[in-house]
Amino acid sequence: MQFNVPSIDNAESADKLKETILTSEPEAKVEIDSDSKTVTINSKASEETFKQLIVAAGHKLN
């Protein structure tokens, strides 16, 4: 699944978001591209779970 997260503005915020996601879903494969502002996640958890984690980390979704 892929999310457009326009509030990722640098590598540091991307790293913090990845850390937040992996804390809750350690089995997830997470790739974040801070240039294109996309978060790609491969996991058995639901899309809604990751939407909530991204928002909880202080980011906005498009």
PDB file of N, CA and C in Angstrom:
ATOM      1  N   MET A   1       0.844  -1.175   0.000  1.00  0.00           N
ATOM      2  CA  MET A   1       0.000   0.000   0.000  1.00  0.00           C
ATOM      3  C   MET A   1       0.885   1.233   0.000  1.00  0.00           C
ATOM      4  N   GLN A   2       0.361   2.280  -0.594  1.00  0.00           N
ATOM      5  CA  GLN A   2       1.158   3.499  -0.719  1.00  0.00           C
ATOM      6  C   GLN A   2       0.329   4.697  -0.280  1.00  0.00           C
ATOM      7  N   PHE A   3       0.980   5.598   0.438  1.00  0.00           N
ATOM      8  CA  PHE A   3       0.321   6.794   0.946  1.00  0.00           C
ATOM      9  C   PHE A   3       1.090   8.023   0.484  1.00  0.00           C
ATOM     10  N   ASN A   4       0.363   9.073   0.157  1.00  0.00           N
ATOM     11  CA  ASN A   4       0.971  10.359  -0.147  1.00  0.00           C
ATOM     12  C   ASN A   4       0.911  11.190   1.130  1.00  0.00           C
ATOM     13  N   VAL A   5       2.090  11.543   1.649  1.00  0.00           N
ATOM     14  CA  VAL A   5       2.176  12.257   2.929  1.00  0.00           C
ATOM     15  C   VAL A   5       2.928  13.574   2.690  1.00  0.00           C
ATOM     16  N   PRO A   6       2.194  14.639   2.322  1.00  0.00           N
ATOM     17  CA  PRO A   6       2.845  15.892   1.948  1.00  0.00           C
ATOM     18  C   PRO A   6       3.591  16.587   3.083  1.00  0.00           C
ATOM     19  N   SER A   7       3.354  16.186   4.317  1.00  0.00           N
ATOM     20  CA  SER A   7       4.019  16.840   5.441  1.00  0.00           C
ATOM     21  C   SER A   7       5.419  16.288   5.721  1.00  0.00           C
ATOM     22  N   ILE A   8       5.866  15.287   4.957  1.00  0.00           N
ATOM     23  CA  ILE A   8       7.255  14.819   5.091  1.00  0.00           C
ATOM     24  C   ILE A   8       8.124  15.840   4.371  1.00  0.00           C
ATOM     25  N   ASP A   9       8.929  16.571   5.143  1.00  0.00           N
ATOM     26  CA  ASP A   9       9.694  17.636   4.504  1.00  0.00           C
ATOM     27  C   ASP A   9      11.201  17.407   4.478  1.00  0.00           C
ATOM     28  N   ASN A  10      11.664  16.351   5.142  1.00  0.00           N
ATOM     29  CA  ASN A  10      13.102  16.060   5.086  1.00  0.00           C
ATOM     30  C   ASN A  10      13.355  14.615   5.533  1.00  0.00           C
ATOM     31  N   ALA A  11      14.581  14.181   5.403  1.00  0.00           N
ATOM     32  CA  ALA A  11      14.935  12.807   5.745  1.00  0.00           C
ATOM     33  C   ALA A  11      14.713  12.513   7.230  1.00  0.00           C
ATOM     34  N   GLU A  12      14.926  13.520   8.066  1.00  0.00           N
ATOM     35  CA  GLU A  12      14.743  13.320   9.509  1.00  0.00           C
ATOM     36  C   GLU A  12      13.287  13.022   9.843  1.00  0.00           C
ATOM     37  N   SER A  13      12.358  13.769   9.254  1.00  0.00           N
ATOM     38  CA  SER A  13      10.943  13.501   9.545  1.00  0.00           C
ATOM     39  C   SER A  13      10.527  12.156   8.949  1.00  0.00           C
ATOM     40  N   ALA A  14      11.124  11.771   7.822  1.00  0.00           N
ATOM     41  CA  ALA A  14      10.846  10.458   7.232  1.00  0.00           C
ATOM     42  C   ALA A  14      11.329   9.356   8.166  1.00  0.00           C
ATOM     43  N   ASP A  15      12.522   9.516   8.731  1.00  0.00           N
ATOM     44  CA  ASP A  15      13.067   8.519   9.655  1.00  0.00           C
ATOM     45  C   ASP A  15      12.208   8.384  10.903  1.00  0.00           C
ATOM     46  N   LYS A  16      11.751   9.516  11.439  1.00  0.00           N
ATOM     47  CA  LYS A  16      10.904   9.480  12.639  1.00  0.00           C
ATOM     48  C   LYS A  16       9.589   8.778  12.360  1.00  0.00           C
ATOM     49  N   LEU A  17       9.010   9.042  11.179  1.00  0.00           N
ATOM     50  CA  LEU A  17       7.756   8.387  10.820  1.00  0.00           C
ATOM     51  C   LEU A  17       7.964   6.887  10.669  1.00  0.00           C
ATOM     52  N   LYS A  18       9.039   6.489  10.024  1.00  0.00           N
ATOM     53  CA  LYS A  18       9.332   5.062   9.851  1.00  0.00           C
ATOM     54  C   LYS A  18       9.486   4.388  11.210  1.00  0.00           C
ATOM     55  N   GLU A  19      10.183   5.053  12.125  1.00  0.00           N
ATOM     56  CA  GLU A  19      10.372   4.529  13.480  1.00  0.00           C
ATOM     57  C   GLU A  19       9.027   4.335  14.183  1.00  0.00           C
ATOM     58  N   THR A  20       8.143   5.318  14.052  1.00  0.00           N
ATOM     59  CA  THR A  20       6.817   5.241  14.668  1.00  0.00           C
ATOM     60  C   THR A  20       6.036   4.058  14.119  1.00  0.00           C
ATOM     61  N   ILE A  21       6.067   3.888  12.801  1.00  0.00           N
ATOM     62  CA  ILE A  21       5.340   2.779  12.173  1.00  0.00           C
ATOM     63  C   ILE A  21       5.909   1.444  12.640  1.00  0.00           C
ATOM     64  N   LEU A  22       7.227   1.317  12.640  1.00  0.00           N
ATOM     65  CA  LEU A  22       7.850   0.042  13.007  1.00  0.00           C
ATOM     66  C   LEU A  22       7.702  -0.276  14.489  1.00  0.00           C
ATOM     67  N   THR A  23       7.532   0.727  15.333  1.00  0.00           N
ATOM     68  CA  THR A  23       7.298   0.478  16.752  1.00  0.00           C
ATOM     69  C   THR A  23       5.970  -0.257  16.938  1.00  0.00           C
ATOM     70  N   SER A  24       4.963   0.143  16.167  1.00  0.00           N
ATOM     71  CA  SER A  24       3.645  -0.487  16.275  1.00  0.00           C
ATOM     72  C   SER A  24       3.518  -1.745  15.418  1.00  0.00           C
ATOM     73  N   GLU A  25       4.188  -1.744  14.281  1.00  0.00           N
ATOM     74  CA  GLU A  25       4.105  -2.873  13.340  1.00  0.00           C
ATOM     75  C   GLU A  25       5.516  -3.302  12.933  1.00  0.00           C
ATOM     76  N   PRO A  26       6.222  -4.004  13.836  1.00  0.00           N
ATOM     77  CA  PRO A  26       7.634  -4.329  13.568  1.00  0.00           C
ATOM     78  C   PRO A  26       7.855  -5.245  12.363  1.00  0.00           C
ATOM     79  N   GLU A  27       6.832  -5.963  11.928  1.00  0.00           N
ATOM     80  CA  GLU A  27       6.981  -6.866  10.790  1.00  0.00           C
ATOM     81  C   GLU A  27       6.814  -6.155   9.454  1.00  0.00           C
ATOM     82  N   ALA A  28       6.368  -4.916   9.483  1.00  0.00           N
ATOM     83  CA  ALA A  28       6.091  -4.184   8.236  1.00  0.00           C
ATOM     84  C   ALA A  28       7.384  -3.837   7.502  1.00  0.00           C
ATOM     85  N   LYS A  29       7.321  -3.857   6.188  1.00  0.00           N
ATOM     86  CA  LYS A  29       8.412  -3.365   5.342  1.00  0.00           C
ATOM     87  C   LYS A  29       8.019  -1.948   4.949  1.00  0.00           C
ATOM     88  N   VAL A  30       8.805  -0.967   5.384  1.00  0.00           N
ATOM     89  CA  VAL A  30       8.448   0.445   5.197  1.00  0.00           C
ATOM     90  C   VAL A  30       9.521   1.153   4.379  1.00  0.00           C
ATOM     91  N   GLU A  31       9.094   1.814   3.319  1.00  0.00           N
ATOM     92  CA  GLU A  31       9.997   2.648   2.535  1.00  0.00           C
ATOM     93  C   GLU A  31       9.374   4.031   2.439  1.00  0.00           C
ATOM     94  N   ILE A  32      10.174   5.046   2.757  1.00  0.00           N
ATOM     95  CA  ILE A  32       9.683   6.420   2.703  1.00  0.00           C
ATOM     96  C   ILE A  32      10.600   7.222   1.787  1.00  0.00           C
ATOM     97  N   ASP A  33      10.002   7.876   0.808  1.00  0.00           N
ATOM     98  CA  ASP A  33      10.738   8.743  -0.108  1.00  0.00           C
ATOM     99  C   ASP A  33      10.374  10.182   0.237  1.00  0.00           C
ATOM    100  N   SER A  34      11.304  10.885   0.891  1.00  0.00           N
ATOM    101  CA  SER A  34      10.998  12.247   1.328  1.00  0.00           C
ATOM    102  C   SER A  34      10.928  13.222   0.155  1.00  0.00           C
ATOM    103  N   ASP A  35      11.540  12.876  -0.982  1.00  0.00           N
ATOM    104  CA  ASP A  35      11.470  13.750  -2.156  1.00  0.00           C
ATOM    105  C   ASP A  35      10.082  13.715  -2.791  1.00  0.00           C
ATOM    106  N   SER A  36       9.548  12.504  -2.989  1.00  0.00           N
ATOM    107  CA  SER A  36       8.214  12.392  -3.598  1.00  0.00           C
ATOM    108  C   SER A  36       7.106  12.375  -2.548  1.00  0.00           C
ATOM    109  N   LYS A  37       7.514  12.379  -1.262  1.00  0.00           N
ATOM    110  CA  LYS A  37       6.574  12.409  -0.141  1.00  0.00           C
ATOM    111  C   LYS A  37       5.622  11.203  -0.156  1.00  0.00           C
ATOM    112  N   THR A  38       6.201  10.030  -0.460  1.00  0.00           N
ATOM    113  CA  THR A  38       5.400   8.811  -0.459  1.00  0.00           C
ATOM    114  C   THR A  38       5.904   7.832   0.593  1.00  0.00           C
ATOM    115  N   VAL A  39       4.950   7.126   1.163  1.00  0.00           N
ATOM    116  CA  VAL A  39       5.239   6.079   2.133  1.00  0.00           C
ATOM    117  C   VAL A  39       4.695   4.788   1.538  1.00  0.00           C
ATOM    118  N   THR A  40       5.572   3.807   1.352  1.00  0.00           N
ATOM    119  CA  THR A  40       5.172   2.517   0.810  1.00  0.00           C
ATOM    120  C   THR A  40       5.345   1.476   1.914  1.00  0.00           C
ATOM    121  N   ILE A  41       4.274   0.727   2.169  1.00  0.00           N
ATOM    122  CA  ILE A  41       4.288  -0.239   3.267  1.00  0.00           C
ATOM    123  C   ILE A  41       3.807  -1.591   2.752  1.00  0.00           C
ATOM    124  N   ASN A  42       4.567  -2.625   3.101  1.00  0.00           N
ATOM    125  CA  ASN A  42       4.169  -3.984   2.794  1.00  0.00           C
ATOM    126  C   ASN A  42       3.937  -4.676   4.137  1.00  0.00           C
ATOM    127  N   SER A  43       2.683  -4.991   4.424  1.00  0.00           N
ATOM    128  CA  SER A  43       2.350  -5.552   5.731  1.00  0.00           C
ATOM    129  C   SER A  43       1.008  -6.258   5.663  1.00  0.00           C
ATOM    130  N   LYS A  44       0.791  -7.145   6.626  1.00  0.00           N
ATOM    131  CA  LYS A  44      -0.506  -7.818   6.733  1.00  0.00           C
ATOM    132  C   LYS A  44      -1.521  -6.964   7.494  1.00  0.00           C
ATOM    133  N   ALA A  45      -1.038  -5.935   8.177  1.00  0.00           N
ATOM    134  CA  ALA A  45      -1.945  -5.052   8.918  1.00  0.00           C
ATOM    135  C   ALA A  45      -2.777  -4.231   7.935  1.00  0.00           C
ATOM    136  N   SER A  46      -3.886  -3.721   8.421  1.00  0.00           N
ATOM    137  CA  SER A  46      -4.816  -3.004   7.543  1.00  0.00           C
ATOM    138  C   SER A  46      -4.299  -1.624   7.149  1.00  0.00           C
ATOM    139  N   GLU A  47      -4.795  -1.144   6.030  1.00  0.00           N
ATOM    140  CA  GLU A  47      -4.458   0.202   5.555  1.00  0.00           C
ATOM    141  C   GLU A  47      -4.866   1.239   6.599  1.00  0.00           C
ATOM    142  N   GLU A  48      -5.999   1.021   7.231  1.00  0.00           N
ATOM    143  CA  GLU A  48      -6.505   1.955   8.246  1.00  0.00           C
ATOM    144  C   GLU A  48      -5.524   2.069   9.419  1.00  0.00           C
ATOM    145  N   THR A  49      -4.907   0.968   9.785  1.00  0.00           N
ATOM    146  CA  THR A  49      -3.909   0.970  10.868  1.00  0.00           C
ATOM    147  C   THR A  49      -2.788   1.949  10.551  1.00  0.00           C
ATOM    148  N   PHE A  50      -2.289   1.897   9.323  1.00  0.00           N
ATOM    149  CA  PHE A  50      -1.166   2.756   8.948  1.00  0.00           C
ATOM    150  C   PHE A  50      -1.599   4.211   8.785  1.00  0.00           C
ATOM    151  N   LYS A  51      -2.804   4.428   8.302  1.00  0.00           N
ATOM    152  CA  LYS A  51      -3.318   5.800   8.221  1.00  0.00           C
ATOM    153  C   LYS A  51      -3.333   6.421   9.606  1.00  0.00           C
ATOM    154  N   GLN A  52      -3.809   5.657  10.592  1.00  0.00           N
ATOM    155  CA  GLN A  52      -3.880   6.161  11.968  1.00  0.00           C
ATOM    156  C   GLN A  52      -2.486   6.420  12.526  1.00  0.00           C
ATOM    157  N   LEU A  53      -1.531   5.547  12.226  1.00  0.00           N
ATOM    158  CA  LEU A  53      -0.163   5.737  12.712  1.00  0.00           C
ATOM    159  C   LEU A  53       0.479   6.981  12.099  1.00  0.00           C
ATOM    160  N   ILE A  54       0.246   7.197  10.809  1.00  0.00           N
ATOM    161  CA  ILE A  54       0.822   8.367  10.129  1.00  0.00           C
ATOM    162  C   ILE A  54       0.257   9.654  10.727  1.00  0.00           C
ATOM    163  N   VAL A  55      -1.050   9.680  10.936  1.00  0.00           N
ATOM    164  CA  VAL A  55      -1.688  10.864  11.527  1.00  0.00           C
ATOM    165  C   VAL A  55      -1.233  11.046  12.977  1.00  0.00           C
ATOM    166  N   ALA A  56      -1.130   9.948  13.726  1.00  0.00           N
ATOM    167  CA  ALA A  56      -0.695  10.011  15.129  1.00  0.00           C
ATOM    168  C   ALA A  56       0.734  10.550  15.233  1.00  0.00           C
ATOM    169  N   ALA A  57       1.533  10.328  14.191  1.00  0.00           N
ATOM    170  CA  ALA A  57       2.914  10.823  14.180  1.00  0.00           C
ATOM    171  C   ALA A  57       2.984  12.308  13.806  1.00  0.00           C
ATOM    172  N   GLY A  58       1.819  12.908  13.585  1.00  0.00           N
ATOM    173  CA  GLY A  58       1.770  14.346  13.313  1.00  0.00           C
ATOM    174  C   GLY A  58       1.786  14.704  11.838  1.00  0.00           C
ATOM    175  N   HIS A  59       1.523  13.736  10.982  1.00  0.00           N
ATOM    176  CA  HIS A  59       1.534  13.989   9.532  1.00  0.00           C
ATOM    177  C   HIS A  59       0.108  14.052   8.985  1.00  0.00           C
ATOM    178  N   LYS A  60       0.002  14.604   7.793  1.00  0.00           N
ATOM    179  CA  LYS A  60      -1.283  14.685   7.096  1.00  0.00           C
ATOM    180  C   LYS A  60      -1.222  13.789   5.870  1.00  0.00           C
ATOM    181  N   LEU A  61      -2.352  13.206   5.536  1.00  0.00           N
ATOM    182  CA  LEU A  61      -2.463  12.361   4.340  1.00  0.00           C
ATOM    183  C   LEU A  61      -3.189  13.109   3.235  1.00  0.00           C
ATOM    184  N   ASN A  62      -2.826  12.791   1.997  1.00  0.00           N
ATOM    185  CA  ASN A  62      -3.568  13.323   0.851  1.00  0.00           C
ATOM    186  C   ASN A  62      -4.482  12.257   0.321  1.00  0.00           C
TER     187      ASN A  62
END
